[in-house]
Amino acid sequence: MAIGLKRSFSPEDCGLTDAACPGSPVPSTEHAACSESLVFKASCASVQEEIEARIGLNMDRKKLRGNYTLLVSETGVCTKASRATSPFADPGPFTDLFGFRYLTDGSDCHVLACSESQVKSLCDFSTNFCNLFNLYCNEADGCEIVHSNLEHDPAQFDQLCDHTAKCGGYETLADQCTRR
């Protein structure tokens, strides 16, 4: 299922849009964001449990570790959280908000995920993508697992991840998500 997942969510669900975006005080043309859809070969309960466990354990893989904070969790529906960059990051520190929406389809779990910068930005060197990826990546990606090694189909990205030719186009590079 693509970005246009055919299910209407309540606006009250974690305070996220249908695409799982949390919103930003900065106009959409002036801040970086990334939105994706994935199909996991696992139950939504397992996917949500793994994502929220990594948030709780602050499993940031960047060289200058940031801090993940769980803001809202609705079992089987959505997760909303934040990631603040390291206080030693230059420029920074900054806080991004992100969300995940879960939809069970048989034995699979369809997930919409979106991360948005909360300050004026454009090129983010895949930061919004990494805010999400580091919470669901699996052993094949070189990630540490808490409860479940989440297998999934390749992610489908929407235009929010395309930060213009000035930034190199789509900023969805997994190699930007690890400590260097």
Foldseek 3Di string as FASTA:
>chain_A
DFLPPPDADDCVQVNAHPLFENDAPDPLLFWAKWKKKWKWQAFPQVLVVQLVVCLVVQQAFEQQRWHKAWDDDDGQAKTKIKTWTHPPDVPDGFMKIKMWGWDDDPRMIMIMIMIITHDGDQQDLLPNLLVPCLRQAAVVLVHDTDRDRIDIDDMDIDQSQQSDVVNPGGRNDSVNRHYD
